[in-house]
C-alpha atoms as a PDB file:
ATOM      1  CA  MET A   1      -2.819 -63.250  33.206  1.00  0.00           C
ATOM      2  CA  THR A   2       0.156 -62.535  31.017  1.00  0.00           C
ATOM      3  CA  THR A   3       0.441 -65.165  28.331  1.00  0.00           C
ATOM      4  CA  ARG A   4       3.417 -67.490  28.169  1.00  0.00           C
ATOM      5  CA  ARG A   5       4.162 -66.030  24.732  1.00  0.00           C
ATOM      6  CA  THR A   6       4.376 -62.616  26.327  1.00  0.00           C
ATOM      7  CA  ILE A   7       6.838 -63.897  28.917  1.00  0.00           C
ATOM      8  CA  LEU A   8       8.783 -65.638  26.153  1.00  0.00           C
ATOM      9  CA  ALA A   9       9.610 -62.243  24.682  1.00  0.00           C
ATOM     10  CA  GLY A  10      11.483 -61.408  27.849  1.00  0.00           C
ATOM     11  CA  THR A  11       9.002 -58.793  28.942  1.00  0.00           C
ATOM     12  CA  LEU A  12       8.419 -56.960  32.156  1.00  0.00           C
ATOM     13  CA  ALA A  13       5.013 -56.020  30.879  1.00  0.00           C
ATOM     14  CA  SER A  14       1.924 -56.356  32.992  1.00  0.00           C
ATOM     15  CA  LEU A  15       1.117 -59.497  34.931  1.00  0.00           C
ATOM     16  CA  ILE A  16      -2.562 -58.521  34.811  1.00  0.00           C
ATOM     17  CA  PRO A  17      -4.777 -58.492  31.702  1.00  0.00           C
ATOM     18  CA  LEU A  18      -4.114 -55.496  29.494  1.00  0.00           C
ATOM     19  CA  PRO A  19      -7.741 -54.295  29.521  1.00  0.00           C
ATOM     20  CA  ALA A  20      -7.611 -54.354  33.303  1.00  0.00           C
ATOM     21  CA  LEU A  21      -4.343 -52.425  33.186  1.00  0.00           C
ATOM     22  CA  ALA A  22      -5.915 -49.792  30.952  1.00  0.00           C
ATOM     23  CA  GLN A  23      -8.800 -49.516  33.374  1.00  0.00           C
ATOM     24  CA  THR A  24      -6.360 -49.190  36.266  1.00  0.00           C
ATOM     25  CA  LEU A  25      -4.527 -46.393  34.476  1.00  0.00           C
ATOM     26  CA  ALA A  26      -7.806 -44.558  34.014  1.00  0.00           C
ATOM     27  CA  GLN A  27      -8.665 -44.673  37.687  1.00  0.00           C
ATOM     28  CA  THR A  28      -7.928 -41.576  39.721  1.00  0.00           C
ATOM     29  CA  ASP A  29      -6.126 -43.624  42.361  1.00  0.00           C
ATOM     30  CA  ALA A  30      -3.714 -45.203  39.858  1.00  0.00           C
ATOM     31  CA  PRO A  31      -0.056 -44.613  40.714  1.00  0.00           C
ATOM     32  CA  PRO A  32       1.249 -41.461  39.013  1.00  0.00           C
ATOM     33  CA  VAL A  33       3.683 -42.139  36.194  1.00  0.00           C
ATOM     34  CA  GLU A  34       6.357 -39.958  34.602  1.00  0.00           C
ATOM     35  CA  ARG A  35       8.679 -40.701  31.689  1.00  0.00           C
ATOM     36  CA  PHE A  36      11.823 -38.853  30.655  1.00  0.00           C
ATOM     37  CA  PRO A  37      15.159 -39.250  28.809  1.00  0.00           C
ATOM     38  CA  ILE A  38      18.153 -40.177  30.958  1.00  0.00           C
ATOM     39  CA  TRP A  39      20.767 -38.220  28.994  1.00  0.00           C
ATOM     40  CA  PRO A  40      20.714 -34.374  28.853  1.00  0.00           C
ATOM     41  CA  GLY A  41      21.387 -34.489  25.107  1.00  0.00           C
ATOM     42  CA  ALA A  42      22.006 -37.285  22.663  1.00  0.00           C
ATOM     43  CA  ALA A  43      23.131 -40.590  24.158  1.00  0.00           C
ATOM     44  CA  PRO A  44      26.913 -41.042  23.932  1.00  0.00           C
ATOM     45  CA  GLY A  45      28.609 -42.539  20.900  1.00  0.00           C
ATOM     46  CA  GLY A  46      25.776 -42.330  18.425  1.00  0.00           C
ATOM     47  CA  PRO A  47      26.345 -43.858  14.971  1.00  0.00           C
ATOM     48  CA  THR A  48      25.967 -42.311  11.536  1.00  0.00           C
ATOM     49  CA  PRO A  49      23.298 -42.455  10.266  1.00  0.00           C
ATOM     50  CA  ALA A  50      21.588 -41.744  13.541  1.00  0.00           C
ATOM     51  CA  VAL A  51      19.403 -44.322  15.271  1.00  0.00           C
ATOM     52  CA  VAL A  52      15.668 -43.609  15.158  1.00  0.00           C
ATOM     53  CA  ASP A  53      13.402 -44.763  17.975  1.00  0.00           C
ATOM     54  CA  ALA A  54      11.094 -47.521  16.777  1.00  0.00           C
ATOM     55  CA  TRP A  55       8.544 -49.717  18.508  1.00  0.00           C
ATOM     56  CA  VAL A  56       6.331 -52.586  17.443  1.00  0.00           C
ATOM     57  CA  GLY A  57       3.245 -54.234  18.863  1.00  0.00           C
ATOM     58  CA  ARG A  58       4.049 -57.498  20.569  1.00  0.00           C
ATOM     59  CA  SER A  59       0.763 -59.220  19.881  1.00  0.00           C
ATOM     60  CA  PRO A  60      -2.077 -58.680  17.383  1.00  0.00           C
ATOM     61  CA  THR A  61      -4.479 -58.745  20.310  1.00  0.00           C
ATOM     62  CA  GLY A  62      -2.348 -56.737  22.717  1.00  0.00           C
ATOM     63  CA  GLY A  63      -3.266 -53.350  24.105  1.00  0.00           C
ATOM     64  CA  ALA A  64      -1.837 -50.000  23.061  1.00  0.00           C
ATOM     65  CA  ASP A  65       1.040 -50.245  25.532  1.00  0.00           C
ATOM     66  CA  ASP A  66       1.917 -53.879  24.766  1.00  0.00           C
ATOM     67  CA  ILE A  67       4.995 -52.889  22.773  1.00  0.00           C
ATOM     68  CA  ALA A  68       8.701 -53.585  22.320  1.00  0.00           C
ATOM     69  CA  TRP A  69      11.499 -51.420  20.966  1.00  0.00           C
ATOM     70  CA  PRO A  70      13.823 -52.920  18.295  1.00  0.00           C
ATOM     71  CA  HIS A  71      15.662 -49.588  18.041  1.00  0.00           C
ATOM     72  CA  VAL A  72      16.290 -47.137  20.884  1.00  0.00           C
ATOM     73  CA  ALA A  73      17.778 -43.709  20.194  1.00  0.00           C
ATOM     74  CA  THR A  74      16.502 -42.068  23.378  1.00  0.00           C
ATOM     75  CA  PRO A  75      16.977 -44.151  26.520  1.00  0.00           C
ATOM     76  CA  MET A  76      14.176 -43.423  28.983  1.00  0.00           C
ATOM     77  CA  LEU A  77      13.056 -44.024  32.532  1.00  0.00           C
ATOM     78  CA  THR A  78       9.397 -44.617  33.332  1.00  0.00           C
ATOM     79  CA  VAL A  79       8.732 -43.933  36.997  1.00  0.00           C
ATOM     80  CA  VAL A  80       5.807 -45.419  38.918  1.00  0.00           C
ATOM     81  CA  ARG A  81       5.386 -43.622  42.244  1.00  0.00           C
ATOM     82  CA  PRO A  82       3.775 -45.334  45.220  1.00  0.00           C
ATOM     83  CA  ALA A  83       0.906 -43.696  47.067  1.00  0.00           C
ATOM     84  CA  ARG A  84       2.796 -44.161  50.338  1.00  0.00           C
ATOM     85  CA  PRO A  85       6.520 -44.284  49.578  1.00  0.00           C
ATOM     86  CA  THR A  86       8.746 -46.108  52.025  1.00  0.00           C
ATOM     87  CA  GLY A  87      11.937 -44.528  50.704  1.00  0.00           C
ATOM     88  CA  ALA A  88      13.018 -47.631  48.797  1.00  0.00           C
ATOM     89  CA  ALA A  89      13.510 -47.617  45.023  1.00  0.00           C
ATOM     90  CA  VAL A  90      14.200 -50.205  42.328  1.00  0.00           C
ATOM     91  CA  LEU A  91      15.596 -49.989  38.802  1.00  0.00           C
ATOM     92  CA  ILE A  92      13.885 -52.557  36.548  1.00  0.00           C
ATOM     93  CA  CYS A  93      15.731 -53.865  33.467  1.00  0.00           C
ATOM     94  CA  PRO A  94      13.307 -55.536  31.051  1.00  0.00           C
ATOM     95  CA  GLY A  95      14.245 -58.266  28.622  1.00  0.00           C
ATOM     96  CA  GLY A  96      14.027 -58.947  24.919  1.00  0.00           C
ATOM     97  CA  GLY A  97      17.143 -60.960  24.110  1.00  0.00           C
ATOM     98  CA  TYR A  98      19.064 -57.747  23.293  1.00  0.00           C
ATOM     99  CA  ALA A  99      17.125 -57.798  20.008  1.00  0.00           C
ATOM    100  CA  ARG A 100      14.531 -55.416  21.443  1.00  0.00           C
ATOM    101  CA  VAL A 101      13.422 -54.024  24.779  1.00  0.00           C
ATOM    102  CA  ALA A 102      10.005 -55.281  25.831  1.00  0.00           C
ATOM    103  CA  VAL A 103       8.625 -52.383  27.841  1.00  0.00           C
ATOM    104  CA  GLY A 104       5.726 -49.980  27.453  1.00  0.00           C
ATOM    105  CA  ARG A 105       5.359 -46.313  28.264  1.00  0.00           C
ATOM    106  CA  THR A 106       2.956 -46.362  31.179  1.00  0.00           C
ATOM    107  CA  GLY A 107       4.525 -48.669  33.763  1.00  0.00           C
ATOM    108  CA  GLY A 108       4.178 -52.447  33.669  1.00  0.00           C
ATOM    109  CA  GLY A 109       2.606 -54.799  36.175  1.00  0.00           C
ATOM    110  CA  ILE A 110       5.827 -55.543  38.038  1.00  0.00           C
ATOM    111  CA  ALA A 111       6.606 -51.839  38.450  1.00  0.00           C
ATOM    112  CA  ARG A 112       3.095 -51.320  39.802  1.00  0.00           C
ATOM    113  CA  ASP A 113       3.476 -54.307  42.095  1.00  0.00           C
ATOM    114  CA  PHE A 114       6.585 -52.729  43.594  1.00  0.00           C
ATOM    115  CA  ALA A 115       4.776 -49.390  43.891  1.00  0.00           C
ATOM    116  CA  ALA A 116       1.891 -51.076  45.708  1.00  0.00           C
ATOM    117  CA  ARG A 117       4.466 -52.076  48.324  1.00  0.00           C
ATOM    118  CA  GLY A 118       5.710 -48.507  48.735  1.00  0.00           C
ATOM    119  CA  ILE A 119       8.749 -48.945  46.464  1.00  0.00           C
ATOM    120  CA  THR A 120       9.314 -46.310  43.776  1.00  0.00           C
ATOM    121  CA  ALA A 121       9.852 -48.245  40.541  1.00  0.00           C
ATOM    122  CA  PHE A 122      11.955 -47.084  37.575  1.00  0.00           C
ATOM    123  CA  GLU A 123      11.633 -49.033  34.294  1.00  0.00           C
ATOM    124  CA  LEU A 124      14.587 -48.641  31.937  1.00  0.00           C
ATOM    125  CA  LEU A 125      14.361 -48.406  28.156  1.00  0.00           C
ATOM    126  CA  TYR A 126      17.982 -49.001  27.163  1.00  0.00           C
ATOM    127  CA  ARG A 127      19.951 -48.926  23.904  1.00  0.00           C
ATOM    128  CA  LEU A 128      20.766 -52.043  21.893  1.00  0.00           C
ATOM    129  CA  PRO A 129      24.213 -52.996  20.574  1.00  0.00           C
ATOM    130  CA  HIS A 130      22.940 -53.909  17.100  1.00  0.00           C
ATOM    131  CA  ASP A 131      22.364 -50.194  16.431  1.00  0.00           C
ATOM    132  CA  ASN A 132      26.150 -49.695  16.185  1.00  0.00           C
ATOM    133  CA  TRP A 133      26.724 -47.455  19.184  1.00  0.00           C
ATOM    134  CA  ALA A 134      30.398 -46.691  19.776  1.00  0.00           C
ATOM    135  CA  ALA A 135      30.303 -48.537  23.116  1.00  0.00           C
ATOM    136  CA  GLY A 136      29.029 -51.698  21.434  1.00  0.00           C
ATOM    137  CA  PRO A 137      28.011 -54.275  24.078  1.00  0.00           C
ATOM    138  CA  ASP A 138      28.558 -51.689  26.820  1.00  0.00           C
ATOM    139  CA  ALA A 139      25.890 -49.288  25.507  1.00  0.00           C
ATOM    140  CA  PRO A 140      23.153 -50.902  27.659  1.00  0.00           C
ATOM    141  CA  LEU A 141      25.466 -50.750  30.682  1.00  0.00           C
ATOM    142  CA  GLN A 142      26.075 -47.049  30.066  1.00  0.00           C
ATOM    143  CA  ASP A 143      22.323 -46.506  30.258  1.00  0.00           C
ATOM    144  CA  ALA A 144      21.932 -48.624  33.399  1.00  0.00           C
ATOM    145  CA  GLN A 145      24.757 -46.789  35.181  1.00  0.00           C
ATOM    146  CA  ARG A 146      23.340 -43.410  34.164  1.00  0.00           C
ATOM    147  CA  ALA A 147      19.854 -44.444  35.312  1.00  0.00           C
ATOM    148  CA  MET A 148      21.101 -45.448  38.772  1.00  0.00           C
ATOM    149  CA  ARG A 149      22.886 -42.121  39.124  1.00  0.00           C
ATOM    150  CA  ILE A 150      19.799 -40.171  38.066  1.00  0.00           C
ATOM    151  CA  ILE A 151      17.696 -42.040  40.626  1.00  0.00           C
ATOM    152  CA  ARG A 152      20.141 -41.114  43.376  1.00  0.00           C
ATOM    153  CA  ALA A 153      20.410 -37.523  42.143  1.00  0.00           C
ATOM    154  CA  GLY A 154      16.655 -37.075  42.588  1.00  0.00           C
ATOM    155  CA  ALA A 155      16.476 -38.711  46.015  1.00  0.00           C
ATOM    156  CA  GLY A 156      14.745 -36.518  48.556  1.00  0.00           C
ATOM    157  CA  THR A 157      13.910 -33.817  46.027  1.00  0.00           C
ATOM    158  CA  ARG A 158      12.367 -35.183  42.847  1.00  0.00           C
ATOM    159  CA  TRP A 159      11.348 -38.483  44.457  1.00  0.00           C
ATOM    160  CA  THR A 160      10.699 -39.600  48.027  1.00  0.00           C
ATOM    161  CA  ILE A 161      13.504 -42.106  48.141  1.00  0.00           C
ATOM    162  CA  ASP A 162      16.646 -42.805  50.143  1.00  0.00           C
ATOM    163  CA  PRO A 163      19.767 -42.892  47.924  1.00  0.00           C
ATOM    164  CA  ALA A 164      21.143 -45.715  50.086  1.00  0.00           C
ATOM    165  CA  ARG A 165      18.103 -47.906  49.347  1.00  0.00           C
ATOM    166  CA  VAL A 166      18.136 -48.366  45.579  1.00  0.00           C
ATOM    167  CA  ALA A 167      18.067 -51.930  44.199  1.00  0.00           C
ATOM    168  CA  VAL A 168      18.191 -53.341  40.686  1.00  0.00           C
ATOM    169  CA  THR A 169      16.115 -56.132  39.187  1.00  0.00           C
ATOM    170  CA  GLY A 170      16.416 -57.694  35.762  1.00  0.00           C
ATOM    171  CA  PHE A 171      14.392 -60.205  33.802  1.00  0.00           C
ATOM    172  CA  SER A 172      15.693 -62.494  31.030  1.00  0.00           C
ATOM    173  CA  ALA A 173      18.268 -60.481  29.033  1.00  0.00           C
ATOM    174  CA  GLY A 174      17.527 -57.648  31.434  1.00  0.00           C
ATOM    175  CA  GLY A 175      18.880 -59.976  34.112  1.00  0.00           C
ATOM    176  CA  HIS A 176      22.210 -59.975  32.293  1.00  0.00           C
ATOM    177  CA  LEU A 177      22.189 -56.172  32.236  1.00  0.00           C
ATOM    178  CA  ALA A 178      21.249 -55.999  35.921  1.00  0.00           C
ATOM    179  CA  ALA A 179      24.019 -58.452  36.802  1.00  0.00           C
ATOM    180  CA  ARG A 180      26.581 -56.461  34.842  1.00  0.00           C
ATOM    181  CA  LEU A 181      25.431 -53.239  36.516  1.00  0.00           C
ATOM    182  CA  ALA A 182      25.774 -54.879  39.920  1.00  0.00           C
ATOM    183  CA  ALA A 183      29.227 -56.280  39.121  1.00  0.00           C
ATOM    184  CA  ARG A 184      30.559 -53.362  37.060  1.00  0.00           C
ATOM    185  CA  SER A 185      28.938 -50.354  38.744  1.00  0.00           C
ATOM    186  CA  ALA A 186      32.304 -48.608  39.173  1.00  0.00           C
ATOM    187  CA  MET A 187      33.614 -49.391  35.692  1.00  0.00           C
ATOM    188  CA  SER A 188      34.110 -46.272  33.579  1.00  0.00           C
ATOM    189  CA  THR A 189      31.980 -46.775  30.476  1.00  0.00           C
ATOM    190  CA  TYR A 190      31.391 -43.155  29.400  1.00  0.00           C
ATOM    191  CA  THR A 191      32.751 -39.645  29.887  1.00  0.00           C
ATOM    192  CA  PRO A 192      30.778 -37.851  32.634  1.00  0.00           C
ATOM    193  CA  VAL A 193      28.313 -35.347  31.206  1.00  0.00           C
ATOM    194  CA  ASP A 194      27.170 -33.516  34.347  1.00  0.00           C
ATOM    195  CA  PRO A 195      27.446 -33.645  38.184  1.00  0.00           C
ATOM    196  CA  VAL A 196      25.007 -36.588  38.284  1.00  0.00           C
ATOM    197  CA  ASP A 197      27.793 -38.795  36.971  1.00  0.00           C
ATOM    198  CA  ARG A 198      29.808 -38.294  40.168  1.00  0.00           C
ATOM    199  CA  LEU A 199      27.256 -40.415  42.059  1.00  0.00           C
ATOM    200  CA  SER A 200      27.525 -44.146  42.667  1.00  0.00           C
ATOM    201  CA  ALA A 201      25.832 -46.549  40.259  1.00  0.00           C
ATOM    202  CA  ARG A 202      26.014 -49.479  42.694  1.00  0.00           C
ATOM    203  CA  PRO A 203      22.688 -51.054  43.719  1.00  0.00           C
ATOM    204  CA  VAL A 204      22.299 -52.164  47.318  1.00  0.00           C
ATOM    205  CA  VAL A 205      20.721 -55.483  46.257  1.00  0.00           C
ATOM    206  CA  ALA A 206      20.254 -57.232  42.905  1.00  0.00           C
ATOM    207  CA  GLY A 207      17.383 -59.500  41.859  1.00  0.00           C
ATOM    208  CA  LEU A 208      17.935 -61.621  38.734  1.00  0.00           C
ATOM    209  CA  PHE A 209      14.897 -63.466  37.386  1.00  0.00           C
ATOM    210  CA  PHE A 210      15.189 -66.182  34.704  1.00  0.00           C
ATOM    211  CA  PRO A 211      18.315 -64.276  33.670  1.00  0.00           C
ATOM    212  CA  VAL A 212      20.661 -64.539  30.761  1.00  0.00           C
ATOM    213  CA  VAL A 213      24.062 -64.787  32.446  1.00  0.00           C
ATOM    214  CA  THR A 214      26.735 -66.506  30.385  1.00  0.00           C
ATOM    215  CA  MET A 215      28.113 -65.849  26.917  1.00  0.00           C
ATOM    216  CA  LEU A 216      30.068 -69.121  26.997  1.00  0.00           C
ATOM    217  CA  ASP A 217      28.726 -72.241  25.288  1.00  0.00           C
ATOM    218  CA  ASP A 218      27.739 -73.909  28.561  1.00  0.00           C
ATOM    219  CA  GLY A 219      24.187 -72.646  29.052  1.00  0.00           C
ATOM    220  CA  VAL A 220      24.277 -69.834  26.514  1.00  0.00           C
ATOM    221  CA  HIS A 221      21.123 -68.155  25.215  1.00  0.00           C
ATOM    222  CA  ALA A 222      22.264 -67.965  21.600  1.00  0.00           C
ATOM    223  CA  GLN A 223      20.129 -64.984  20.591  1.00  0.00           C
ATOM    224  CA  SER A 224      21.375 -62.815  23.450  1.00  0.00           C
ATOM    225  CA  ARG A 225      25.001 -63.668  22.653  1.00  0.00           C
ATOM    226  CA  ARG A 226      24.505 -62.974  18.967  1.00  0.00           C
ATOM    227  CA  GLU A 227      22.745 -59.654  19.556  1.00  0.00           C
ATOM    228  CA  LEU A 228      25.071 -58.472  22.333  1.00  0.00           C
ATOM    229  CA  LEU A 229      28.416 -59.445  20.809  1.00  0.00           C
ATOM    230  CA  GLY A 230      27.613 -59.189  17.101  1.00  0.00           C
ATOM    231  CA  SER A 231      30.602 -60.076  14.957  1.00  0.00           C
ATOM    232  CA  HIS A 232      32.530 -61.028  18.110  1.00  0.00           C
ATOM    233  CA  ALA A 233      29.997 -63.657  19.205  1.00  0.00           C
ATOM    234  CA  ALA A 234      32.425 -66.515  18.518  1.00  0.00           C
ATOM    235  CA  ASP A 235      35.429 -64.771  20.072  1.00  0.00           C
ATOM    236  CA  PRO A 236      36.378 -66.543  23.352  1.00  0.00           C
ATOM    237  CA  ASP A 237      37.830 -63.335  24.829  1.00  0.00           C
ATOM    238  CA  TRP A 238      34.589 -61.439  24.245  1.00  0.00           C
ATOM    239  CA  GLN A 239      32.549 -64.343  25.553  1.00  0.00           C
ATOM    240  CA  GLN A 240      34.566 -64.258  28.769  1.00  0.00           C
ATOM    241  CA  ARG A 241      34.414 -60.465  29.084  1.00  0.00           C
ATOM    242  CA  TYR A 242      30.630 -60.308  28.784  1.00  0.00           C
ATOM    243  CA  SER A 243      29.738 -63.380  30.857  1.00  0.00           C
ATOM    244  CA  ALA A 244      28.129 -61.855  33.936  1.00  0.00           C
ATOM    245  CA  GLN A 245      29.301 -64.620  36.258  1.00  0.00           C
ATOM    246  CA  ILE A 246      33.004 -64.017  35.572  1.00  0.00           C
ATOM    247  CA  GLY A 247      35.163 -61.580  37.534  1.00  0.00           C
ATOM    248  CA  LEU A 248      32.834 -60.762  40.428  1.00  0.00           C
ATOM    249  CA  GLY A 249      34.484 -58.358  42.843  1.00  0.00           C
ATOM    250  CA  SER A 250      34.011 -57.621  46.515  1.00  0.00           C
ATOM    251  CA  ASP A 251      31.737 -54.676  45.645  1.00  0.00           C
ATOM    252  CA  MET A 252      29.140 -57.007  44.096  1.00  0.00           C
ATOM    253  CA  PRO A 253      25.949 -56.500  46.134  1.00  0.00           C
ATOM    254  CA  PRO A 254      23.907 -59.313  47.685  1.00  0.00           C
ATOM    255  CA  THR A 255      22.118 -61.053  44.829  1.00  0.00           C
ATOM    256  CA  PHE A 256      18.917 -63.084  44.566  1.00  0.00           C
ATOM    257  CA  VAL A 257      18.625 -65.425  41.564  1.00  0.00           C
ATOM    258  CA  ALA A 258      15.466 -67.251  40.440  1.00  0.00           C
ATOM    259  CA  HIS A 259      14.645 -69.526  37.508  1.00  0.00           C
ATOM    260  CA  ASN A 260      12.193 -72.228  36.460  1.00  0.00           C
ATOM    261  CA  GLY A 261      13.489 -75.727  35.852  1.00  0.00           C
ATOM    262  CA  ASP A 262      11.390 -76.061  32.695  1.00  0.00           C
ATOM    263  CA  ASP A 263      12.477 -72.768  31.076  1.00  0.00           C
ATOM    264  CA  PRO A 264      12.620 -73.567  27.322  1.00  0.00           C
ATOM    265  CA  VAL A 265      14.267 -70.277  26.332  1.00  0.00           C
ATOM    266  CA  VAL A 266      17.058 -69.332  28.734  1.00  0.00           C
ATOM    267  CA  PRO A 267      18.553 -72.493  30.248  1.00  0.00           C
ATOM    268  CA  MET A 268      18.349 -72.807  34.018  1.00  0.00           C
ATOM    269  CA  ARG A 269      22.109 -73.366  33.855  1.00  0.00           C
ATOM    270  CA  ASN A 270      22.521 -69.579  33.671  1.00  0.00           C
ATOM    271  CA  SER A 271      21.175 -69.094  37.181  1.00  0.00           C
ATOM    272  CA  VAL A 272      23.191 -72.019  38.537  1.00  0.00           C
ATOM    273  CA  LEU A 273      26.365 -70.533  37.058  1.00  0.00           C
ATOM    274  CA  MET A 274      25.567 -67.149  38.587  1.00  0.00           C
ATOM    275  CA  TYR A 275      24.895 -68.552  42.029  1.00  0.00           C
ATOM    276  CA  THR A 276      28.013 -70.715  41.914  1.00  0.00           C
ATOM    277  CA  ALA A 277      30.141 -67.678  41.072  1.00  0.00           C
ATOM    278  CA  LEU A 278      28.501 -65.574  43.788  1.00  0.00           C
ATOM    279  CA  HIS A 279      29.076 -68.303  46.339  1.00  0.00           C
ATOM    280  CA  ALA A 280      32.720 -68.708  45.309  1.00  0.00           C
ATOM    281  CA  ALA A 281      33.238 -64.955  45.616  1.00  0.00           C
ATOM    282  CA  LYS A 282      31.613 -65.017  49.078  1.00  0.00           C
ATOM    283  CA  ILE A 283      28.855 -62.631  47.963  1.00  0.00           C
ATOM    284  CA  PRO A 284      25.617 -63.120  49.935  1.00  0.00           C
ATOM    285  CA  ALA A 285      23.274 -64.876  47.544  1.00  0.00           C
ATOM    286  CA  GLU A 286      20.099 -66.934  47.289  1.00  0.00           C
ATOM    287  CA  LEU A 287      19.074 -69.271  44.476  1.00  0.00           C
ATOM    288  CA  MET A 288      15.496 -70.350  43.823  1.00  0.00           C
ATOM    289  CA  ILE A 289      14.726 -73.004  41.194  1.00  0.00           C
ATOM    290  CA  PHE A 290      10.997 -73.504  40.737  1.00  0.00           C
ATOM    291  CA  GLU A 291       9.571 -76.638  39.142  1.00  0.00           C
ATOM    292  CA  LYS A 292       7.401 -75.063  36.439  1.00  0.00           C
ATOM    293  CA  GLY A 293       6.650 -71.756  34.797  1.00  0.00           C
ATOM    294  CA  GLY A 294       8.591 -71.717  31.543  1.00  0.00           C
ATOM    295  CA  HIS A 295      10.351 -68.479  30.718  1.00  0.00           C
ATOM    296  CA  GLY A 296       8.649 -66.259  33.232  1.00  0.00           C
ATOM    297  CA  PRO A 297       7.421 -66.203  36.814  1.00  0.00           C
ATOM    298  CA  PRO A 298       6.805 -69.615  38.407  1.00  0.00           C
ATOM    299  CA  ALA A 299       3.543 -71.329  37.560  1.00  0.00           C
ATOM    300  CA  ALA A 300       0.718 -71.419  40.069  1.00  0.00           C
ATOM    301  CA  HIS A 301       0.272 -74.433  42.302  1.00  0.00           C
ATOM    302  CA  ARG A 302      -2.149 -77.176  41.294  1.00  0.00           C
ATOM    303  CA  ASP A 303      -4.850 -75.629  43.499  1.00  0.00           C
ATOM    304  CA  GLY A 304      -4.473 -72.335  41.631  1.00  0.00           C
ATOM    305  CA  SER A 305      -2.676 -70.460  44.384  1.00  0.00           C
ATOM    306  CA  PRO A 306       0.230 -68.336  43.098  1.00  0.00           C
ATOM    307  CA  VAL A 307       3.857 -68.825  44.010  1.00  0.00           C
ATOM    308  CA  ALA A 308       4.845 -65.753  45.997  1.00  0.00           C
ATOM    309  CA  TRP A 309       8.093 -65.172  44.142  1.00  0.00           C
ATOM    310  CA  MET A 310       8.222 -61.432  44.782  1.00  0.00           C
ATOM    311  CA  GLU A 311       7.574 -61.931  48.489  1.00  0.00           C
ATOM    312  CA  LEU A 312      10.465 -64.411  48.595  1.00  0.00           C
ATOM    313  CA  PHE A 313      12.736 -61.851  46.957  1.00  0.00           C
ATOM    314  CA  LEU A 314      11.636 -59.045  49.268  1.00  0.00           C
ATOM    315  CA  ALA A 315      11.909 -61.193  52.401  1.00  0.00           C
ATOM    316  CA  TRP A 316      15.455 -62.196  51.485  1.00  0.00           C
ATOM    317  CA  SER A 317      16.344 -58.619  50.559  1.00  0.00           C
ATOM    318  CA  ARG A 318      15.234 -57.360  53.963  1.00  0.00           C
ATOM    319  CA  ASP A 319      17.976 -59.483  55.490  1.00  0.00           C
ATOM    320  CA  HIS A 320      20.389 -57.349  53.466  1.00  0.00           C
ATOM    321  CA  GLY A 321      18.995 -53.871  54.112  1.00  0.00           C
ATOM    322  CA  TRP A 322      16.436 -53.463  51.332  1.00  0.00           C
ATOM    323  CA  PRO A 323      13.718 -52.305  50.926  1.00  0.00           C
ATOM    324  CA  ALA A 324      13.465 -51.445  54.646  1.00  0.00           C
END
């Protein structure tokens, strides 16, 4: 199983052992994977000197695809296609505390778990504010909006998906990005570059798992605030602006929030704040607080049986039109 240290890094990487993942990738019946840049040229607002893509291994004993990206010049989507697509799709925002993006190149375990259920999964490698992009803290949101539009642009042609059945999920700091995408899908963050940018970036459902939510002191994950806001990290106006629970509008999609009560990294308070704001805004929402599991999926029961956290998310989502 994925180690707790792996989860601590905010990863969406595989929930199965990496050697087993490598073996799975080698099998002829493994889900086909493609990977491509989301922008037709350079990403908008690049700094001088230019950012250079860089990745590091996340563990001395990890496999070749157990990597994280401290610098991202070329935002990418990695697509895991199901053998029998249902028409549903999901954008996955991995974590890393906005200091890096913990995602490989070949599709992680969660993406493959979605694909096994007929859901086409898109993992996002997004840019990081510390690389001095002109958009600053909105650079990751630019990438998330663009990714959602690309997914819809390829519906029915490039991929067997329904453009009305695209969800977003986010994990750790990726939960903050997913929440901002859900709440700010219509916000203009970049100048359109092609007809794709006329499409909606709004997900039909959002799933936020052990998410970073707030930039305010109450519950803050200090690293995420520092990396996202940089020199403005202590500015109350910026803290308010980039707290995902503040300013939810009527276009916020139904949202599922899950956390572990013993999370030592991102305080559970983040999920409580998000649910409270959703409830106040009359947005359909569900909150799950599991007893144990640290910063990651909930721990197995004492008898070894797993907690079916993904099934809980999917069952709730079906009540709100996704993935069916």
